[in-house]
Amino acid sequence: MTRDEDGSDSAVRIPQAANDEFVQLFTKWQRRLFLFILAQAPNPVEAEEILQETNLVIWRKSHTYTPGTNFYAWGCRIAVLEVLKSRDRRRRQAP
């Protein structure tokens, strides 16, 4: 990690305008991402958990998002991987 001019720690420095756009897109598409996940994991509680895991990955990978591209499609690719991870965990835990 590096120290920013304001004293905060940051792994990647994202321009404020890009960060603002990312937050707006992230917020805008939350419901649709949840519904996308819910279609693949019909239990609403499980879908919420998968959405939270998806959100963590989205934030961690925010620096890889290209502004101006389809945020929803990008988020859905991440969500699919999280759904698959959830299914694998469930299978391993089954008796």
Protein backbone atom coordinates (compact mmCIF):
# COMPACT_ATOMS: atom_id res chain seq x y z
CA MET A 1 0.00 0.00 0.00
CA THR A 2 1.01 3.56 -0.56
CA ARG A 3 0.31 6.73 1.38
CA ASP A 4 -1.78 9.34 -0.44
CA GLU A 5 -1.17 13.06 -0.09
CA ASP A 6 -4.07 13.28 2.37
CA GLY A 7 -2.43 10.63 4.57
CA SER A 8 -4.83 7.81 3.74
CA ASP A 9 -3.70 4.38 2.57
CA SER A 10 -4.52 3.43 -0.98
CA ALA A 11 -3.51 0.52 -3.18
CA VAL A 12 -4.70 2.28 -6.33
CA ARG A 13 -5.26 6.00 -6.87
CA ILE A 14 -8.54 6.55 -8.76
CA PRO A 15 -9.40 10.06 -9.97
CA GLN A 16 -12.36 11.47 -8.00
CA ALA A 17 -14.57 11.89 -11.11
CA ALA A 18 -14.04 8.24 -12.06
CA ASN A 19 -14.70 7.20 -8.47
CA ASP A 20 -17.95 9.22 -8.39
CA GLU A 21 -19.10 7.63 -11.65
CA PHE A 22 -18.26 4.17 -10.31
CA VAL A 23 -20.26 4.73 -7.12
CA GLN A 24 -23.24 5.95 -9.14
CA LEU A 25 -23.12 2.90 -11.41
CA PHE A 26 -22.60 0.57 -8.47
CA THR A 27 -25.68 1.99 -6.74
CA LYS A 28 -27.79 2.11 -9.90
CA TRP A 29 -27.31 -1.56 -10.74
CA GLN A 30 -27.63 -3.14 -7.26
CA ARG A 31 -31.27 -4.22 -7.67
CA ARG A 32 -30.70 -5.69 -11.12
CA LEU A 33 -27.63 -7.58 -9.92
CA PHE A 34 -29.68 -8.98 -7.03
CA LEU A 35 -32.44 -10.11 -9.41
CA PHE A 36 -29.83 -11.66 -11.73
CA ILE A 37 -28.39 -13.61 -8.81
CA LEU A 38 -31.85 -14.53 -7.50
CA ALA A 39 -32.67 -16.15 -10.86
CA GLN A 40 -29.71 -18.49 -10.33
CA ALA A 41 -30.04 -19.00 -6.57
CA PRO A 42 -33.78 -18.95 -5.85
CA ASN A 43 -33.38 -18.76 -2.06
CA PRO A 44 -33.55 -14.99 -1.28
CA VAL A 45 -31.29 -15.28 1.77
CA GLU A 46 -28.64 -17.10 -0.25
CA ALA A 47 -29.03 -14.58 -3.08
CA GLU A 48 -28.41 -11.72 -0.61
CA GLU A 49 -25.27 -13.43 0.64
CA ILE A 50 -24.03 -13.94 -2.92
CA LEU A 51 -24.78 -10.29 -3.70
CA GLN A 52 -22.66 -9.22 -0.72
CA GLU A 53 -19.78 -11.39 -1.90
CA THR A 54 -20.24 -10.00 -5.41
CA ASN A 55 -20.16 -6.45 -4.04
CA LEU A 56 -16.89 -7.14 -2.23
CA VAL A 57 -15.30 -8.40 -5.43
CA ILE A 58 -16.69 -5.45 -7.41
CA TRP A 59 -15.10 -3.00 -4.95
CA ARG A 60 -11.80 -4.86 -4.92
CA LYS A 61 -11.72 -4.90 -8.72
CA SER A 62 -13.10 -1.39 -9.23
CA HIS A 63 -9.79 -0.30 -10.71
CA THR A 64 -10.27 -2.82 -13.54
CA TYR A 65 -13.63 -1.39 -14.65
CA THR A 66 -13.33 0.70 -17.82
CA PRO A 67 -15.54 3.81 -17.58
CA GLY A 68 -18.05 4.03 -20.40
CA THR A 69 -18.43 0.27 -20.74
CA ASN A 70 -21.42 -1.78 -19.62
CA PHE A 71 -21.20 -1.87 -15.82
CA TYR A 72 -24.13 -4.28 -15.50
CA ALA A 73 -22.51 -6.84 -17.83
CA TRP A 74 -19.22 -6.47 -15.94
CA GLY A 75 -21.00 -6.97 -12.60
CA CYS A 76 -22.93 -9.97 -13.93
CA ARG A 77 -19.69 -11.71 -14.93
CA ILE A 78 -18.48 -11.30 -11.37
CA ALA A 79 -21.87 -12.43 -9.99
CA VAL A 80 -21.81 -15.63 -12.08
CA LEU A 81 -18.47 -16.58 -10.57
CA GLU A 82 -19.79 -15.89 -7.06
CA VAL A 83 -22.90 -18.01 -7.74
CA LEU A 84 -20.65 -20.88 -8.86
CA LYS A 85 -18.49 -20.52 -5.73
CA SER A 86 -21.62 -20.60 -3.58
CA ARG A 87 -22.83 -23.79 -5.30
CA ASP A 88 -19.43 -25.42 -4.76
CA ARG A 89 -19.49 -24.51 -1.05
CA ARG A 90 -23.00 -25.92 -0.72
CA ARG A 91 -21.98 -29.16 -2.43
CA ARG A 92 -18.96 -29.59 -0.16
CA GLN A 93 -21.11 -29.05 2.93
CA ALA A 94 -23.80 -31.52 1.86
CA PRO A 95 -23.79 -34.88 3.70
